[in-house]
Amino acid sequence: MNDRELFKIAKEASLHAYVPYSGFPVGAALECEDGTVFTGCNIENAAYGDTICAERTAIVKAVSEGYTKFSRIAIYGESKNYCMPCGSCRQVMAEFSPEMEVLCCKAGGSYVSYPLNRLMPHTFNF
């Protein structure tokens, strides 16, 4: 699967986002090492701290199905800037695959790619 195909899956996932407060839907497509793909979307809550990002939704779905090794994640959002993962999402990704590739898109379809350990060089671990 190429990057554009993975972004297409992430864009489709964004259509399921529950965003009554921000109005900013985000979708994620998480590719496991064996090629299995899990999707996620952001799900907001009136108690803002209970909101979950698209990236963590996809990761939680994957882990709950027994997958813990990820090769890359595509994050889709229609914004003027690249839709980058928040710090909490970066830490959760690093828990499982600190070397994974993170693809971040912006409106118009252009995207950037980073190894996670560049976005989150000093993860919390013990």
Protein backbone atom coordinates (compact mmCIF):
# COMPACT_ATOMS: atom_id res chain seq x y z
CA MET A 1 0.00 0.00 0.00
CA ASN A 2 1.39 3.40 -0.90
CA ASP A 3 1.11 6.62 1.12
CA ARG A 4 -1.79 8.02 -0.93
CA GLU A 5 -3.83 4.86 -0.43
CA LEU A 6 -3.23 5.02 3.31
CA PHE A 7 -4.31 8.70 3.34
CA LYS A 8 -7.47 7.77 1.44
CA ILE A 9 -8.34 5.33 4.23
CA ALA A 10 -7.58 8.00 6.84
CA LYS A 11 -9.78 10.52 5.02
CA GLU A 12 -12.65 8.01 4.97
CA ALA A 13 -12.18 7.47 8.71
CA SER A 14 -12.47 11.23 9.30
CA LEU A 15 -16.04 11.06 8.00
CA HIS A 16 -17.00 9.20 11.19
CA ALA A 17 -15.51 11.80 13.53
CA TYR A 18 -17.73 13.12 16.33
CA VAL A 19 -16.73 16.79 16.55
CA PRO A 20 -19.65 18.93 17.77
CA TYR A 21 -17.33 21.32 19.66
CA SER A 22 -14.33 21.92 17.39
CA GLY A 23 -15.88 21.08 14.05
CA PHE A 24 -12.46 19.69 13.06
CA PRO A 25 -12.68 16.05 11.95
CA VAL A 26 -9.46 14.02 11.88
CA GLY A 27 -8.94 10.51 10.58
CA ALA A 28 -6.06 8.11 11.04
CA ALA A 29 -5.01 4.93 9.29
CA LEU A 30 -2.54 2.82 11.27
CA GLU A 31 -0.58 0.20 9.35
CA CYS A 32 0.74 -2.75 11.34
CA GLU A 33 3.99 -4.51 10.46
CA ASP A 34 2.03 -7.31 8.73
CA GLY A 35 0.07 -4.83 6.57
CA THR A 36 -3.17 -4.90 8.59
CA VAL A 37 -4.71 -1.42 8.79
CA PHE A 38 -6.79 -0.04 11.67
CA THR A 39 -8.64 3.25 11.41
CA GLY A 40 -9.61 5.87 13.94
CA CYS A 41 -11.31 9.23 14.15
CA ASN A 42 -11.44 11.87 16.83
CA ILE A 43 -14.31 11.62 19.26
CA GLU A 44 -15.03 14.73 21.30
CA ASN A 45 -16.80 14.97 24.63
CA ALA A 46 -18.38 17.84 26.56
CA ALA A 47 -15.82 17.04 29.27
CA TYR A 48 -12.95 18.05 27.00
CA GLY A 49 -10.35 15.92 28.78
CA ASP A 50 -12.32 12.84 27.78
CA THR A 51 -11.90 13.58 24.08
CA ILE A 52 -9.80 11.01 22.21
CA CYS A 53 -7.75 11.72 19.10
CA ALA A 54 -7.96 9.76 15.87
CA GLU A 55 -4.45 8.37 16.32
CA ARG A 56 -5.15 6.94 19.76
CA THR A 57 -8.50 5.56 18.59
CA ALA A 58 -6.71 3.57 15.86
CA ILE A 59 -4.01 2.38 18.26
CA VAL A 60 -6.51 1.28 20.90
CA LYS A 61 -8.45 -0.65 18.26
CA ALA A 62 -5.27 -2.37 17.07
CA VAL A 63 -4.01 -3.25 20.54
CA SER A 64 -7.44 -4.57 21.54
CA GLU A 65 -7.17 -6.97 18.58
CA GLY A 66 -3.67 -8.15 19.59
CA TYR A 67 -1.54 -5.93 17.32
CA THR A 68 1.32 -3.98 18.93
CA LYS A 69 3.90 -3.50 16.15
CA PHE A 70 3.19 -0.61 13.80
CA SER A 71 5.08 0.51 10.71
CA ARG A 72 3.34 3.82 9.98
CA ILE A 73 0.32 6.00 10.55
CA ALA A 74 -1.35 8.47 8.18
CA ILE A 75 -3.11 11.41 9.83
CA TYR A 76 -5.65 13.32 7.75
CA GLY A 77 -7.16 16.69 8.53
CA GLU A 78 -8.40 19.53 6.33
CA SER A 79 -6.28 22.35 7.71
CA LYS A 80 -3.87 24.98 6.40
CA ASN A 81 -1.07 23.40 8.43
CA TYR A 82 0.00 19.77 8.55
CA CYS A 83 -2.20 17.76 10.91
CA MET A 84 0.42 16.68 13.45
CA PRO A 85 -0.16 14.28 16.36
CA CYS A 86 -0.43 15.82 19.81
CA GLY A 87 2.03 14.97 22.58
CA SER A 88 -0.27 12.36 24.13
CA CYS A 89 -0.64 10.57 20.79
CA ARG A 90 3.13 10.68 20.23
CA GLN A 91 3.74 9.10 23.62
CA VAL A 92 1.16 6.35 22.98
CA MET A 93 2.70 5.62 19.57
CA ALA A 94 6.16 5.47 21.11
CA GLU A 95 4.94 2.93 23.67
CA PHE A 96 4.60 0.41 20.86
CA SER A 97 6.72 1.47 17.87
CA PRO A 98 9.20 4.32 18.48
CA GLU A 99 10.67 3.88 14.99
CA MET A 100 7.33 4.06 13.10
CA GLU A 101 6.76 6.53 10.27
CA VAL A 102 4.28 9.37 10.86
CA LEU A 103 2.62 10.82 7.75
CA CYS A 104 0.84 14.16 8.27
CA CYS A 105 -1.46 15.71 5.66
CA LYS A 106 -2.95 19.16 5.17
CA ALA A 107 -5.72 20.54 2.97
CA GLY A 108 -4.91 20.05 -0.69
CA GLY A 109 -3.28 16.68 -0.11
CA SER A 110 0.35 17.61 0.47
CA TYR A 111 2.00 15.77 3.32
CA VAL A 112 5.20 15.35 5.30
CA SER A 113 6.75 12.24 6.78
CA TYR A 114 8.79 11.88 9.96
CA PRO A 115 10.16 8.98 11.95
CA LEU A 116 8.35 9.07 15.29
CA ASN A 117 11.60 9.21 17.25
CA ARG A 118 12.27 12.58 15.57
CA LEU A 119 8.86 13.94 16.65
CA MET A 120 9.19 12.46 20.14
CA PRO A 121 12.91 12.10 20.88
CA HIS A 122 12.64 11.71 24.65
CA THR A 123 9.73 9.44 25.48
CA PHE A 124 8.64 8.58 28.98
CA ASN A 125 9.63 5.02 29.83
CA PHE A 126 10.93 3.02 32.74
